[in-house]
Amino acid sequence: MTTTLPLAANPQSQTTAGSPEPARGPDTVLTLSCPQRSGIVHAISHFLMERGSNITEHQQFDDVVDGRLFLRTAFTGTAPDTDVEKLTADFSPVAAEFDMEYTFHNGARPRVLVMVSKFSHCLHDLIFRWQTDSLAADLVAVVSNHEDLRPMAEAAGLPFHHIPITAQTKADAESRLLELVGSYQTDLVVLARYMQVLSNDLCRQLSGRAINIHHSFLPGFKGARPYKQAYDRGVKQIGATAHYVTADLDEGPIIEQEVIRVDHRLSPDQLATAGRDTEALALSRAVRLHAEKRVLLSGHRTIIFT
């Protein structure tokens, strides 16, 4: 079962009338998983209370099939009490007692490098959401194997890097990409309809920090012109899937999906237009969920706290 607790103030964090509020930054987030047992939430709450922290959001999922608990707790506190390195060290005795796998995340917005080819809809949507501050992440650069979307990227003030790729230059191109990932201090790589298959080695190096979008016809409609294939089969629903990138093509852990109903009246081009809407929406939601530390992995599955 999934549990969401209402926001609750910590009495110890309140100040008397007329006294200045202590400086507070963005929420710090604790994510963890561990075997199910009693006392886990109490231990976490007590740990945070001792440090004068205020829990702003708490969600947990008790997986009765595998006997594990997954948890996301957001909290605020004064600067010394939300230093993630200190919190990580101080929390280790609690984690050891409950056999927890845990991470404290600071409130920094992830830095996102976007990869594209010629399709513009996903990049356009990400730029819009970034510029309107609804993405929870910051775009830092665009990389493409074509020049087509340079004007869109540069109009948004984003550096554009053209890395052409062929079978003979693939290794060098991926090496250049990794250089850019490092130079931009990238936290997340987003494949926004990047029409190249990443090598197994690159997938491993970007594990857990690369998101791809594809039409959810796969594997039913593989290859070229998926919407024409869908039209020929008379599909009644189309959609898109955003997932983490793995060496297994288009089979990584699913973060978000979007589906809409269609019927026989839509042409292949109209199906493609509708499909582009689902792709943009699923991808932007996935980026935001990842940015807000709302995605926890459980093997090949994902636990999503919305």
Protein backbone atom coordinates (compact mmCIF):
# COMPACT_ATOMS: atom_id res chain seq x y z
CA MET A 1 0.00 0.00 0.00
CA THR A 2 1.06 3.60 -0.55
CA THR A 3 0.81 6.08 2.30
CA THR A 4 0.97 9.86 2.03
CA LEU A 5 1.07 11.87 5.21
CA PRO A 6 -0.26 15.44 5.32
CA LEU A 7 2.21 18.24 5.72
CA ALA A 8 2.93 18.76 9.40
CA ALA A 9 4.86 21.42 11.22
CA ASN A 10 7.55 20.51 13.69
CA PRO A 11 6.89 22.41 16.95
CA GLN A 12 10.60 22.59 17.66
CA SER A 13 11.12 24.52 14.43
CA GLN A 14 8.69 27.31 15.34
CA THR A 15 9.93 30.66 16.58
CA THR A 16 8.46 33.02 19.12
CA ALA A 17 6.56 36.11 18.01
CA GLY A 18 8.84 38.84 16.81
CA SER A 19 11.92 36.64 16.51
CA PRO A 20 13.46 36.26 13.05
CA GLU A 21 12.90 33.03 11.14
CA PRO A 22 16.09 31.03 10.63
CA ALA A 23 17.38 30.93 7.08
CA ARG A 24 15.86 27.99 5.21
CA GLY A 25 16.72 26.70 1.78
CA PRO A 26 14.84 24.35 -0.53
CA ASP A 27 13.64 21.01 0.73
CA THR A 28 16.13 18.27 1.37
CA VAL A 29 14.85 14.83 0.36
CA LEU A 30 15.54 11.41 1.88
CA THR A 31 14.79 8.39 -0.29
CA LEU A 32 15.28 4.84 0.91
CA SER A 33 14.22 1.22 0.71
CA CYS A 34 14.57 -1.52 3.28
CA PRO A 35 12.92 -4.72 4.52
CA GLN A 36 9.52 -4.15 6.11
CA ARG A 37 9.40 -4.00 9.91
CA SER A 38 7.94 -1.80 12.61
CA GLY A 39 9.60 1.37 13.84
CA ILE A 40 11.04 2.65 10.55
CA VAL A 41 8.99 5.84 10.23
CA HIS A 42 9.40 6.59 13.93
CA ALA A 43 13.17 6.28 13.64
CA ILE A 44 13.28 8.65 10.68
CA SER A 45 10.97 11.19 12.29
CA HIS A 46 12.98 11.11 15.52
CA PHE A 47 16.24 11.58 13.61
CA LEU A 48 14.88 14.66 11.83
CA MET A 49 13.21 16.07 14.93
CA GLU A 50 16.49 15.94 16.85
CA ARG A 51 18.01 18.18 14.18
CA GLY A 52 15.20 20.73 14.24
CA SER A 53 13.96 19.75 10.80
CA ASN A 54 10.42 20.22 9.59
CA ILE A 55 8.86 17.42 7.50
CA THR A 56 7.06 18.98 4.53
CA GLU A 57 6.06 15.79 2.70
CA HIS A 58 6.17 12.08 3.45
CA GLN A 59 5.22 9.16 1.20
CA GLN A 60 5.83 5.46 1.57
CA PHE A 61 4.93 2.24 -0.22
CA ASP A 62 4.79 -1.10 1.54
CA ASP A 63 5.47 -3.79 -1.07
CA VAL A 64 3.67 -6.80 0.38
CA VAL A 65 4.88 -9.02 -2.48
CA ASP A 66 8.60 -8.49 -1.92
CA GLY A 67 8.37 -7.46 1.74
CA ARG A 68 10.12 -4.13 1.26
CA LEU A 69 9.31 -0.56 2.17
CA PHE A 70 10.04 2.37 -0.13
CA LEU A 71 10.00 5.88 1.27
CA ARG A 72 10.43 9.52 0.27
CA THR A 73 10.54 12.22 2.95
CA ALA A 74 11.08 15.91 2.19
CA PHE A 75 12.08 18.29 4.96
CA THR A 76 13.52 21.71 5.67
CA GLY A 77 15.94 22.90 8.28
CA THR A 78 18.66 25.44 8.96
CA ALA A 79 21.69 25.18 6.69
CA PRO A 80 23.95 23.11 9.01
CA ASP A 81 21.14 20.62 9.59
CA THR A 82 20.55 19.97 5.88
CA ASP A 83 24.12 19.37 4.74
CA VAL A 84 23.72 16.08 2.87
CA GLU A 85 27.18 14.77 3.63
CA LYS A 86 26.72 15.31 7.36
CA LEU A 87 23.19 13.88 7.25
CA THR A 88 24.43 10.82 5.39
CA ALA A 89 27.10 10.16 7.99
CA ASP A 90 24.84 10.88 10.98
CA PHE A 91 22.05 8.67 9.62
CA SER A 92 24.26 5.61 9.08
CA PRO A 93 23.52 4.00 12.51
CA VAL A 94 19.77 4.23 11.82
CA ALA A 95 20.28 2.81 8.34
CA ALA A 96 22.38 -0.06 9.68
CA GLU A 97 19.72 -0.97 12.25
CA PHE A 98 17.03 -1.30 9.57
CA ASP A 99 19.23 -2.50 6.69
CA MET A 100 18.38 0.59 4.63
CA GLU A 101 19.62 1.63 1.21
CA TYR A 102 19.30 5.42 1.43
CA THR A 103 20.28 8.73 -0.13
CA PHE A 104 19.93 12.32 1.03
CA HIS A 105 19.40 14.78 -1.82
CA ASN A 106 19.97 18.52 -1.51
CA GLY A 107 17.59 21.00 -3.11
CA ALA A 108 19.79 21.77 -6.11
CA ARG A 109 17.96 21.65 -9.43
CA PRO A 110 19.38 18.96 -11.74
CA ARG A 111 21.36 20.13 -14.77
CA VAL A 112 19.93 18.57 -17.93
CA LEU A 113 21.63 17.99 -21.26
CA VAL A 114 19.11 17.29 -24.03
CA MET A 115 19.88 15.10 -27.05
CA VAL A 116 17.82 15.48 -30.22
CA SER A 117 17.85 14.64 -33.93
CA LYS A 118 15.31 16.30 -36.24
CA PHE A 119 11.98 16.06 -34.38
CA SER A 120 11.38 19.29 -32.47
CA HIS A 121 8.25 18.72 -30.35
CA CYS A 122 9.89 17.25 -27.25
CA LEU A 123 12.69 19.83 -27.19
CA HIS A 124 10.19 22.64 -27.68
CA ASP A 125 8.06 21.38 -24.79
CA LEU A 126 11.07 20.99 -22.46
CA ILE A 127 12.27 24.51 -23.27
CA PHE A 128 8.81 25.94 -22.60
CA ARG A 129 8.50 24.17 -19.25
CA TRP A 130 12.04 25.17 -18.27
CA GLN A 131 11.41 28.82 -19.17
CA THR A 132 8.12 28.84 -17.24
CA ASP A 133 9.76 27.16 -14.22
CA SER A 134 7.57 24.07 -14.31
CA LEU A 135 10.23 21.46 -15.07
CA ALA A 136 12.02 21.38 -11.67
CA ALA A 137 15.31 21.18 -13.59
CA ASP A 138 17.57 23.43 -15.65
CA LEU A 139 18.46 22.83 -19.28
CA VAL A 140 22.16 23.53 -19.88
CA ALA A 141 22.87 22.42 -23.47
CA VAL A 142 21.54 20.63 -26.54
CA VAL A 143 23.44 17.95 -28.46
CA SER A 144 22.35 16.68 -31.86
CA ASN A 145 23.54 14.53 -34.73
CA HIS A 146 21.91 17.05 -37.11
CA GLU A 147 21.88 20.84 -37.42
CA ASP A 148 18.09 21.20 -37.81
CA LEU A 149 17.27 22.26 -34.25
CA ARG A 150 20.17 24.66 -33.71
CA PRO A 151 17.94 27.75 -34.20
CA MET A 152 15.44 26.52 -31.59
CA ALA A 153 18.14 25.81 -29.02
CA GLU A 154 20.05 29.03 -29.56
CA ALA A 155 16.86 31.11 -29.51
CA ALA A 156 16.33 29.76 -26.00
CA GLY A 157 19.89 30.71 -25.04
CA LEU A 158 21.12 27.11 -24.95
CA PRO A 159 24.53 26.08 -26.33
CA PHE A 160 24.10 23.74 -29.31
CA HIS A 161 26.65 21.04 -30.10
CA HIS A 162 26.55 19.21 -33.42
CA ILE A 163 28.05 15.73 -33.15
CA PRO A 164 27.52 13.88 -36.45
CA ILE A 165 27.58 10.13 -36.11
CA THR A 166 28.17 7.21 -38.46
CA ALA A 167 29.02 3.58 -37.86
CA GLN A 168 32.69 4.50 -38.29
CA THR A 169 32.60 7.54 -35.97
CA LYS A 170 30.24 6.20 -33.27
CA ALA A 171 32.94 5.58 -30.67
CA ASP A 172 34.48 9.06 -31.12
CA ALA A 173 31.04 10.69 -31.09
CA GLU A 174 30.10 9.03 -27.81
CA SER A 175 33.45 9.99 -26.32
CA ARG A 176 32.75 13.61 -27.27
CA LEU A 177 29.28 13.35 -25.73
CA LEU A 178 30.73 12.15 -22.43
CA GLU A 179 33.15 15.09 -22.48
CA LEU A 180 30.19 17.45 -22.78
CA VAL A 181 28.31 15.62 -20.01
CA GLY A 182 31.30 16.25 -17.77
CA SER A 183 32.01 19.83 -18.84
CA TYR A 184 28.41 20.90 -18.23
CA GLN A 185 28.33 19.08 -14.87
CA THR A 186 25.30 17.22 -16.17
CA ASP A 187 23.03 15.43 -13.72
CA LEU A 188 20.59 14.06 -16.29
CA VAL A 189 20.74 13.29 -20.02
CA VAL A 190 17.38 13.40 -21.84
CA LEU A 191 16.97 11.71 -25.20
CA ALA A 192 14.20 13.88 -26.65
CA ARG A 193 13.64 11.86 -29.82
CA TYR A 194 17.34 11.28 -30.41
CA MET A 195 17.28 8.78 -33.26
CA GLN A 196 20.49 6.90 -32.55
CA VAL A 197 21.06 3.75 -30.52
CA LEU A 198 23.53 4.27 -27.68
CA SER A 199 26.26 1.70 -27.21
CA ASN A 200 26.08 -0.72 -24.30
CA ASP A 201 29.12 0.93 -22.73
CA LEU A 202 27.57 4.40 -22.90
CA CYS A 203 24.31 3.08 -21.44
CA ARG A 204 26.24 1.68 -18.50
CA GLN A 205 28.08 4.97 -17.93
CA LEU A 206 24.80 6.89 -17.95
CA SER A 207 22.90 4.31 -15.90
CA GLY A 208 20.21 5.92 -13.75
CA ARG A 209 20.78 9.38 -15.22
CA ALA A 210 19.50 9.10 -18.79
CA ILE A 211 15.83 9.16 -19.83
CA ASN A 212 14.45 8.21 -23.25
CA ILE A 213 11.03 8.65 -24.85
CA HIS A 214 9.44 6.34 -27.40
CA HIS A 215 6.01 5.58 -28.77
CA SER A 216 4.47 2.85 -26.65
CA PHE A 217 3.63 0.75 -29.69
CA LEU A 218 6.97 -0.94 -29.10
CA PRO A 219 7.56 -3.79 -29.38
CA GLY A 220 4.33 -4.20 -31.38
CA PHE A 221 5.31 -1.68 -34.07
CA LYS A 222 9.07 -1.66 -34.45
CA GLY A 223 11.07 0.06 -37.14
CA ALA A 224 10.11 2.89 -39.44
CA ARG A 225 6.75 4.66 -39.65
CA PRO A 226 5.15 3.28 -36.47
CA TYR A 227 2.06 5.44 -36.85
CA LYS A 228 1.46 4.11 -40.38
CA GLN A 229 1.74 0.59 -38.94
CA ALA A 230 -0.73 1.57 -36.22
CA TYR A 231 -3.11 2.99 -38.83
CA ASP A 232 -2.92 -0.21 -40.88
CA ARG A 233 -3.82 -2.24 -37.79
CA GLY A 234 -6.68 0.06 -36.76
CA VAL A 235 -5.42 0.77 -33.26
CA LYS A 236 -7.78 2.35 -30.73
CA GLN A 237 -5.16 3.79 -28.41
CA ILE A 238 -1.82 5.43 -28.97
CA GLY A 239 0.66 6.66 -26.44
CA ALA A 240 4.25 7.10 -25.32
CA THR A 241 6.57 5.72 -22.67
CA ALA A 242 9.40 7.52 -20.86
CA HIS A 243 11.97 5.19 -19.34
CA TYR A 244 15.52 5.00 -18.07
CA VAL A 245 18.07 4.11 -20.72
CA THR A 246 19.58 0.63 -20.52
CA ALA A 247 21.55 -1.58 -22.87
CA ASP A 248 18.28 -3.41 -23.64
CA LEU A 249 16.84 -1.12 -26.30
CA ASP A 250 13.61 0.59 -25.18
CA GLU A 251 13.19 -1.82 -22.28
CA GLY A 252 14.49 0.23 -19.37
CA PRO A 253 12.51 0.83 -16.16
CA ILE A 254 9.36 2.81 -16.97
CA ILE A 255 8.93 6.22 -15.35
CA GLU A 256 5.85 7.64 -17.07
CA GLN A 257 3.32 6.73 -19.76
CA GLU A 258 0.62 8.70 -21.57
CA VAL A 259 -2.21 7.19 -23.62
CA ILE A 260 -5.07 8.70 -25.63
CA ARG A 261 -7.95 7.08 -27.52
CA VAL A 262 -8.14 7.34 -31.31
CA ASP A 263 -10.37 5.87 -34.00
CA HIS A 264 -10.63 5.07 -37.69
CA ARG A 265 -11.19 8.67 -38.72
CA LEU A 266 -7.57 9.69 -38.10
CA SER A 267 -5.05 9.46 -40.92
CA PRO A 268 -1.47 8.30 -40.30
CA ASP A 269 -0.35 11.95 -40.16
CA GLN A 270 -3.10 12.80 -37.66
CA LEU A 271 -2.11 9.81 -35.54
CA ALA A 272 1.48 11.04 -35.58
CA THR A 273 0.36 14.51 -34.49
CA ALA A 274 -1.60 13.05 -31.58
CA GLY A 275 1.34 10.80 -30.75
CA ARG A 276 3.72 13.75 -30.55
CA ASP A 277 1.53 15.27 -27.84
CA THR A 278 1.75 12.11 -25.74
CA GLU A 279 5.51 11.92 -26.23
CA ALA A 280 6.11 15.49 -25.07
CA LEU A 281 3.83 15.12 -22.06
CA ALA A 282 5.22 11.77 -20.89
CA LEU A 283 8.81 12.97 -21.26
CA SER A 284 8.36 16.24 -19.37
CA ARG A 285 6.55 14.44 -16.55
CA ALA A 286 9.35 11.88 -16.33
CA VAL A 287 12.00 14.60 -16.14
CA ARG A 288 10.11 16.37 -13.36
CA LEU A 289 9.56 13.15 -11.39
CA HIS A 290 13.26 12.33 -11.64
CA ALA A 291 14.27 15.90 -10.76
CA GLU A 292 12.12 15.89 -7.64
CA LYS A 293 13.56 12.53 -6.49
CA ARG A 294 10.18 10.82 -6.80
CA VAL A 295 11.45 7.73 -8.66
CA LEU A 296 12.83 4.75 -6.76
CA LEU A 297 14.04 1.61 -8.50
CA SER A 298 12.97 -1.86 -7.44
CA GLY A 299 14.81 -4.21 -9.74
CA HIS A 300 13.42 -3.48 -13.20
CA ARG A 301 10.33 -1.78 -11.74
CA THR A 302 9.93 1.79 -10.56
CA ILE A 303 8.17 3.12 -7.49
CA ILE A 304 6.78 6.57 -8.32
CA PHE A 305 5.74 9.00 -5.57
CA THR A 306 3.53 11.66 -7.16
